[in-house]
Amino acid sequence: MTERIDKQHRYPWEVIELAVVWYQRDNLTYRAVSEKLMQHGVEVSHKTVFEWVQKFGDVVSRKPKTGKKSPRRETNIEESYVKVNGEWKYMYRSLDGRGNILNAVLRNRRNLASAKSFLSKEADDN
C-alpha cells in the first residue's frame, strides 16, 4: 500500500493539486493562485501556495499531461464532505474523462445555490 503524500495537510489533495497545476500551467504568481482559490471559496495564503509548489511540484508535473479538453469530452461532477482547518465543508469538483481535476470549490453549505454557483462557473470556464 502506498503512503499518501499529502498527509498532515489541512486541505484535501484535490485543492493542493489544483493550486500547483494553476501555478505551473497558467504561469500565475503565488498571489494570483491564492486569489483564484479565494474566488472558489478556499482561503489560502500565497506563502502556503509557495510551499505546496515546492513540496508537490515534481509530483504534479510527473502526472500525464492532458489538453484542456478530454478526447472523450466527458466531464464528471462530484460532491464530497471534507474537513478543512477543523471545519467540515462541501467540496464540489469536476473531473475530465481521464480523472484530472478541472475545477474545485469549497462551500460551507450544501444547497441549491451552492451547486448552481459551481455549475455556472463550470459553464464560464468551458
N, C-alpha and C. Protein backbone atom coordinates (compact mmCIF):
# COMPACT_ATOMS: atom_id res chain seq x y z
N MET A 1 0.84 -1.18 0.00
CA MET A 1 0.00 0.00 0.00
C MET A 1 0.88 1.24 0.00
N THR A 2 0.58 2.20 -0.86
CA THR A 2 1.38 3.41 -0.95
C THR A 2 0.92 4.42 0.09
N GLU A 3 1.87 5.19 0.59
CA GLU A 3 1.55 6.18 1.60
C GLU A 3 1.13 7.47 0.93
N ARG A 4 0.17 8.14 1.51
CA ARG A 4 -0.31 9.40 0.95
C ARG A 4 0.75 10.47 1.06
N ILE A 5 0.95 11.23 -0.01
CA ILE A 5 1.97 12.28 0.03
C ILE A 5 1.44 13.56 0.65
N ASP A 6 0.13 13.69 0.75
CA ASP A 6 -0.46 14.92 1.30
C ASP A 6 -0.81 14.77 2.77
N LYS A 7 -0.21 13.81 3.44
CA LYS A 7 -0.50 13.55 4.84
C LYS A 7 -0.16 14.79 5.67
N GLN A 8 -0.95 15.05 6.69
CA GLN A 8 -0.73 16.15 7.63
C GLN A 8 -1.01 17.52 7.02
N HIS A 9 -1.83 17.59 5.99
CA HIS A 9 -2.18 18.88 5.41
C HIS A 9 -3.63 19.21 5.71
N ARG A 10 -3.91 20.48 5.84
CA ARG A 10 -5.26 20.93 6.20
C ARG A 10 -6.25 20.82 5.05
N TYR A 11 -5.75 20.90 3.84
CA TYR A 11 -6.62 20.92 2.67
C TYR A 11 -6.58 19.58 1.96
N PRO A 12 -7.67 19.23 1.27
CA PRO A 12 -7.68 17.97 0.52
C PRO A 12 -6.67 18.01 -0.63
N TRP A 13 -6.22 16.85 -1.03
CA TRP A 13 -5.23 16.75 -2.10
C TRP A 13 -5.74 17.42 -3.38
N GLU A 14 -7.02 17.35 -3.65
CA GLU A 14 -7.57 17.94 -4.87
C GLU A 14 -7.30 19.44 -4.93
N VAL A 15 -7.44 20.12 -3.79
CA VAL A 15 -7.22 21.57 -3.73
C VAL A 15 -5.73 21.87 -3.92
N ILE A 16 -4.87 21.10 -3.25
CA ILE A 16 -3.43 21.30 -3.37
C ILE A 16 -2.99 21.09 -4.82
N GLU A 17 -3.46 20.00 -5.41
CA GLU A 17 -3.08 19.69 -6.79
C GLU A 17 -3.56 20.77 -7.76
N LEU A 18 -4.78 21.24 -7.56
CA LEU A 18 -5.32 22.28 -8.43
C LEU A 18 -4.50 23.56 -8.34
N ALA A 19 -4.09 23.94 -7.14
CA ALA A 19 -3.26 25.15 -6.97
C ALA A 19 -1.92 25.00 -7.67
N VAL A 20 -1.29 23.85 -7.54
CA VAL A 20 0.01 23.63 -8.17
C VAL A 20 -0.15 23.61 -9.69
N VAL A 21 -1.21 22.98 -10.18
CA VAL A 21 -1.44 22.94 -11.63
C VAL A 21 -1.67 24.35 -12.17
N TRP A 22 -2.48 25.15 -11.47
CA TRP A 22 -2.69 26.53 -11.92
C TRP A 22 -1.38 27.30 -11.96
N TYR A 23 -0.54 27.12 -10.96
CA TYR A 23 0.74 27.83 -10.94
C TYR A 23 1.62 27.39 -12.10
N GLN A 24 1.71 26.09 -12.33
CA GLN A 24 2.61 25.59 -13.37
C GLN A 24 2.06 25.80 -14.78
N ARG A 25 0.80 25.49 -14.98
CA ARG A 25 0.22 25.53 -16.32
C ARG A 25 -0.07 26.94 -16.80
N ASP A 26 -0.68 27.74 -15.92
CA ASP A 26 -1.12 29.07 -16.32
C ASP A 26 -0.09 30.17 -16.06
N ASN A 27 1.08 29.78 -15.51
CA ASN A 27 2.16 30.73 -15.25
C ASN A 27 1.68 31.91 -14.40
N LEU A 28 0.94 31.59 -13.33
CA LEU A 28 0.43 32.61 -12.41
C LEU A 28 1.40 32.81 -11.26
N THR A 29 1.30 33.95 -10.59
CA THR A 29 2.08 34.18 -9.39
C THR A 29 1.41 33.46 -8.22
N TYR A 30 2.14 33.35 -7.11
CA TYR A 30 1.56 32.70 -5.93
C TYR A 30 0.35 33.47 -5.43
N ARG A 31 0.44 34.79 -5.47
CA ARG A 31 -0.70 35.61 -5.03
C ARG A 31 -1.90 35.45 -5.95
N ALA A 32 -1.65 35.34 -7.25
CA ALA A 32 -2.75 35.17 -8.20
C ALA A 32 -3.44 33.82 -7.99
N VAL A 33 -2.66 32.78 -7.70
CA VAL A 33 -3.25 31.47 -7.42
C VAL A 33 -4.07 31.55 -6.13
N SER A 34 -3.53 32.23 -5.13
CA SER A 34 -4.25 32.40 -3.86
C SER A 34 -5.57 33.14 -4.07
N GLU A 35 -5.55 34.19 -4.88
CA GLU A 35 -6.78 34.95 -5.16
C GLU A 35 -7.78 34.12 -5.97
N LYS A 36 -7.27 33.32 -6.89
CA LYS A 36 -8.15 32.46 -7.69
C LYS A 36 -8.82 31.41 -6.79
N LEU A 37 -8.05 30.85 -5.85
CA LEU A 37 -8.63 29.91 -4.91
C LEU A 37 -9.66 30.60 -4.01
N MET A 38 -9.39 31.86 -3.65
CA MET A 38 -10.33 32.61 -2.81
C MET A 38 -11.67 32.78 -3.53
N GLN A 39 -11.64 32.97 -4.85
CA GLN A 39 -12.86 33.07 -5.63
C GLN A 39 -13.65 31.77 -5.60
N HIS A 40 -12.96 30.67 -5.37
CA HIS A 40 -13.60 29.35 -5.31
C HIS A 40 -13.91 28.92 -3.88
N GLY A 41 -13.76 29.83 -2.93
CA GLY A 41 -14.14 29.55 -1.55
C GLY A 41 -13.05 28.90 -0.70
N VAL A 42 -11.81 28.92 -1.17
CA VAL A 42 -10.70 28.32 -0.43
C VAL A 42 -9.77 29.44 0.02
N GLU A 43 -9.66 29.65 1.33
CA GLU A 43 -8.81 30.71 1.87
C GLU A 43 -7.42 30.16 2.13
N VAL A 44 -6.47 30.54 1.27
CA VAL A 44 -5.09 30.07 1.36
C VAL A 44 -4.18 31.27 1.12
N SER A 45 -3.12 31.38 1.92
CA SER A 45 -2.17 32.47 1.71
C SER A 45 -1.23 32.12 0.57
N HIS A 46 -0.60 33.15 0.02
CA HIS A 46 0.34 32.93 -1.08
C HIS A 46 1.57 32.14 -0.59
N LYS A 47 1.90 32.27 0.67
CA LYS A 47 3.03 31.52 1.23
C LYS A 47 2.72 30.02 1.24
N THR A 48 1.48 29.68 1.55
CA THR A 48 1.07 28.27 1.53
C THR A 48 1.13 27.71 0.11
N VAL A 49 0.69 28.51 -0.86
CA VAL A 49 0.77 28.07 -2.26
C VAL A 49 2.22 27.85 -2.64
N PHE A 50 3.11 28.75 -2.22
CA PHE A 50 4.55 28.59 -2.47
C PHE A 50 5.06 27.27 -1.91
N GLU A 51 4.69 26.97 -0.65
CA GLU A 51 5.13 25.72 -0.02
C GLU A 51 4.60 24.50 -0.75
N TRP A 52 3.34 24.57 -1.22
CA TRP A 52 2.77 23.45 -1.97
C TRP A 52 3.54 23.23 -3.27
N VAL A 53 3.85 24.32 -3.97
CA VAL A 53 4.56 24.19 -5.24
C VAL A 53 5.94 23.59 -5.00
N GLN A 54 6.63 24.03 -3.93
CA GLN A 54 7.95 23.49 -3.63
C GLN A 54 7.88 22.01 -3.25
N LYS A 55 6.86 21.64 -2.49
CA LYS A 55 6.77 20.27 -1.98
C LYS A 55 6.18 19.29 -3.01
N PHE A 56 5.14 19.72 -3.73
CA PHE A 56 4.41 18.80 -4.61
C PHE A 56 4.57 19.11 -6.09
N GLY A 57 5.36 20.10 -6.45
CA GLY A 57 5.51 20.48 -7.85
C GLY A 57 5.98 19.35 -8.73
N ASP A 58 6.98 18.59 -8.25
CA ASP A 58 7.51 17.48 -9.04
C ASP A 58 6.49 16.36 -9.21
N VAL A 59 5.75 16.09 -8.14
CA VAL A 59 4.74 15.02 -8.19
C VAL A 59 3.65 15.36 -9.20
N VAL A 60 3.19 16.60 -9.16
CA VAL A 60 2.11 17.02 -10.06
C VAL A 60 2.61 17.09 -11.50
N SER A 61 3.83 17.57 -11.70
CA SER A 61 4.34 17.70 -13.08
C SER A 61 4.64 16.33 -13.70
N ARG A 62 4.86 15.30 -12.88
CA ARG A 62 5.10 13.96 -13.41
C ARG A 62 3.82 13.28 -13.87
N LYS A 63 2.66 13.78 -13.44
CA LYS A 63 1.40 13.18 -13.89
C LYS A 63 1.26 13.38 -15.39
N PRO A 64 0.60 12.47 -16.08
CA PRO A 64 0.42 12.64 -17.53
C PRO A 64 -0.33 13.92 -17.83
N LYS A 65 0.21 14.67 -18.76
CA LYS A 65 -0.41 15.94 -19.12
C LYS A 65 -1.49 15.72 -20.17
N THR A 66 -2.58 16.44 -20.01
CA THR A 66 -3.65 16.37 -20.99
C THR A 66 -3.97 17.79 -21.44
N GLY A 67 -4.58 17.89 -22.58
CA GLY A 67 -5.01 19.19 -23.06
C GLY A 67 -6.18 19.70 -22.24
N LYS A 68 -6.63 20.87 -22.56
CA LYS A 68 -7.74 21.45 -21.81
C LYS A 68 -9.01 20.60 -21.97
N LYS A 69 -9.20 20.04 -23.15
CA LYS A 69 -10.37 19.20 -23.40
C LYS A 69 -9.96 17.74 -23.44
N SER A 70 -10.76 16.91 -22.88
CA SER A 70 -10.51 15.48 -22.90
C SER A 70 -10.91 14.92 -24.26
N PRO A 71 -10.19 13.93 -24.76
CA PRO A 71 -10.58 13.36 -26.05
C PRO A 71 -11.96 12.74 -26.01
N ARG A 72 -12.36 12.22 -24.84
CA ARG A 72 -13.68 11.62 -24.73
C ARG A 72 -14.74 12.68 -24.44
N ARG A 73 -14.31 13.90 -24.14
CA ARG A 73 -15.20 15.03 -23.87
C ARG A 73 -16.21 14.68 -22.78
N GLU A 74 -15.77 13.93 -21.82
CA GLU A 74 -16.62 13.51 -20.72
C GLU A 74 -16.22 14.30 -19.46
N THR A 75 -17.19 14.83 -18.76
CA THR A 75 -16.93 15.56 -17.53
C THR A 75 -17.80 15.01 -16.42
N ASN A 76 -17.18 14.68 -15.31
CA ASN A 76 -17.91 14.21 -14.15
C ASN A 76 -17.85 15.28 -13.07
N ILE A 77 -18.95 15.47 -12.39
CA ILE A 77 -19.00 16.41 -11.28
C ILE A 77 -19.27 15.61 -10.01
N GLU A 78 -18.42 15.84 -9.01
CA GLU A 78 -18.54 15.12 -7.76
C GLU A 78 -18.73 16.09 -6.61
N GLU A 79 -19.37 15.59 -5.57
CA GLU A 79 -19.56 16.37 -4.36
C GLU A 79 -19.09 15.51 -3.19
N SER A 80 -18.32 16.09 -2.29
CA SER A 80 -17.89 15.34 -1.12
C SER A 80 -17.84 16.26 0.09
N TYR A 81 -17.76 15.66 1.25
CA TYR A 81 -17.76 16.36 2.52
C TYR A 81 -16.38 16.17 3.13
N VAL A 82 -15.60 17.26 3.24
CA VAL A 82 -14.22 17.16 3.69
C VAL A 82 -13.98 18.10 4.87
N LYS A 83 -12.97 17.78 5.66
CA LYS A 83 -12.61 18.60 6.80
C LYS A 83 -11.44 19.50 6.42
N VAL A 84 -11.62 20.82 6.56
CA VAL A 84 -10.59 21.79 6.23
C VAL A 84 -10.42 22.72 7.42
N ASN A 85 -9.20 22.81 7.95
CA ASN A 85 -8.92 23.64 9.12
C ASN A 85 -9.84 23.31 10.29
N GLY A 86 -10.17 22.06 10.45
CA GLY A 86 -11.02 21.64 11.55
C GLY A 86 -12.50 21.87 11.33
N GLU A 87 -12.90 22.38 10.18
CA GLU A 87 -14.31 22.63 9.87
C GLU A 87 -14.72 21.75 8.69
N TRP A 88 -15.93 21.22 8.75
CA TRP A 88 -16.45 20.42 7.65
C TRP A 88 -17.01 21.33 6.57
N LYS A 89 -16.62 21.04 5.32
CA LYS A 89 -17.08 21.82 4.17
C LYS A 89 -17.47 20.88 3.05
N TYR A 90 -18.30 21.39 2.16
CA TYR A 90 -18.69 20.64 0.97
C TYR A 90 -17.76 21.02 -0.17
N MET A 91 -17.20 20.01 -0.83
CA MET A 91 -16.31 20.26 -1.95
C MET A 91 -16.98 19.75 -3.22
N TYR A 92 -17.14 20.66 -4.16
CA TYR A 92 -17.62 20.30 -5.49
C TYR A 92 -16.40 20.30 -6.39
N ARG A 93 -16.27 19.29 -7.25
CA ARG A 93 -15.16 19.27 -8.18
C ARG A 93 -15.60 18.64 -9.49
N SER A 94 -14.94 19.06 -10.56
CA SER A 94 -15.23 18.48 -11.86
C SER A 94 -13.97 17.77 -12.37
N LEU A 95 -14.19 16.64 -12.99
CA LEU A 95 -13.10 15.80 -13.49
C LEU A 95 -13.30 15.56 -14.98
N ASP A 96 -12.20 15.51 -15.73
CA ASP A 96 -12.32 15.16 -17.13
C ASP A 96 -12.39 13.64 -17.27
N GLY A 97 -12.43 13.15 -18.49
CA GLY A 97 -12.58 11.72 -18.73
C GLY A 97 -11.43 10.88 -18.21
N ARG A 98 -10.27 11.47 -18.01
CA ARG A 98 -9.10 10.74 -17.52
C ARG A 98 -8.92 10.85 -16.01
N GLY A 99 -9.80 11.59 -15.35
CA GLY A 99 -9.70 11.73 -13.90
C GLY A 99 -8.90 12.93 -13.44
N ASN A 100 -8.48 13.80 -14.36
CA ASN A 100 -7.76 15.01 -13.97
C ASN A 100 -8.75 16.04 -13.44
N ILE A 101 -8.36 16.76 -12.42
CA ILE A 101 -9.23 17.76 -11.80
C ILE A 101 -9.24 19.02 -12.66
N LEU A 102 -10.43 19.45 -13.06
CA LEU A 102 -10.57 20.67 -13.83
C LEU A 102 -10.87 21.87 -12.95
N ASN A 103 -11.67 21.65 -11.92
CA ASN A 103 -12.11 22.75 -11.06
C ASN A 103 -12.54 22.17 -9.72
N ALA A 104 -12.34 22.96 -8.66
CA ALA A 104 -12.79 22.54 -7.33
C ALA A 104 -13.22 23.77 -6.54
N VAL A 105 -14.28 23.62 -5.77
CA VAL A 105 -14.83 24.72 -4.97
C VAL A 105 -15.22 24.18 -3.60
N LEU A 106 -14.93 24.95 -2.55
CA LEU A 106 -15.36 24.60 -1.20
C LEU A 106 -16.49 25.52 -0.78
N ARG A 107 -17.51 24.97 -0.18
CA ARG A 107 -18.66 25.75 0.30
C ARG A 107 -19.01 25.32 1.72
N ASN A 108 -19.55 26.26 2.49
CA ASN A 108 -19.97 25.96 3.86
C ASN A 108 -21.28 25.19 3.90
N ARG A 109 -22.14 25.47 2.95
CA ARG A 109 -23.47 24.85 2.94
C ARG A 109 -23.68 24.00 1.70
N ARG A 110 -24.52 23.01 1.86
CA ARG A 110 -24.91 22.19 0.72
C ARG A 110 -26.35 22.55 0.40
N ASN A 111 -26.50 23.38 -0.61
CA ASN A 111 -27.84 23.77 -1.02
C ASN A 111 -27.84 24.03 -2.53
N LEU A 112 -28.98 24.36 -3.02
CA LEU A 112 -29.14 24.57 -4.46
C LEU A 112 -28.31 25.75 -4.95
N ALA A 113 -28.22 26.81 -4.15
CA ALA A 113 -27.45 27.99 -4.56
C ALA A 113 -25.96 27.65 -4.72
N SER A 114 -25.41 26.84 -3.82
CA SER A 114 -24.01 26.44 -3.91
C SER A 114 -23.76 25.63 -5.18
N ALA A 115 -24.63 24.69 -5.45
CA ALA A 115 -24.47 23.85 -6.63
C ALA A 115 -24.61 24.68 -7.91
N LYS A 116 -25.58 25.57 -7.94
CA LYS A 116 -25.78 26.41 -9.13
C LYS A 116 -24.59 27.33 -9.37
N SER A 117 -24.00 27.89 -8.30
CA SER A 117 -22.85 28.78 -8.49
C SER A 117 -21.66 28.00 -9.05
N PHE A 118 -21.46 26.76 -8.57
CA PHE A 118 -20.39 25.94 -9.11
C PHE A 118 -20.63 25.61 -10.58
N LEU A 119 -21.85 25.21 -10.90
CA LEU A 119 -22.16 24.87 -12.28
C LEU A 119 -22.06 26.07 -13.21
N SER A 120 -22.41 27.25 -12.73
CA SER A 120 -22.29 28.44 -13.58
C SER A 120 -20.83 28.78 -13.81
N LYS A 121 -19.97 28.58 -12.82
CA LYS A 121 -18.53 28.79 -13.01
C LYS A 121 -17.96 27.76 -13.98
N GLU A 122 -18.49 26.54 -13.92
CA GLU A 122 -18.08 25.50 -14.85
C GLU A 122 -18.40 25.90 -16.28
N ALA A 123 -19.61 26.42 -16.46
CA ALA A 123 -20.03 26.83 -17.81
C ALA A 123 -19.18 27.98 -18.31
N ASP A 124 -18.79 28.90 -17.41
CA ASP A 124 -17.95 30.04 -17.80
C ASP A 124 -16.56 29.59 -18.19
N ASP A 125 -16.02 28.56 -17.49
CA ASP A 125 -14.66 28.08 -17.78
C ASP A 125 -14.60 27.35 -19.11
N ASN A 126 -15.68 26.71 -19.52
CA ASN A 126 -15.67 25.99 -20.79
C ASN A 126 -16.07 26.91 -21.86
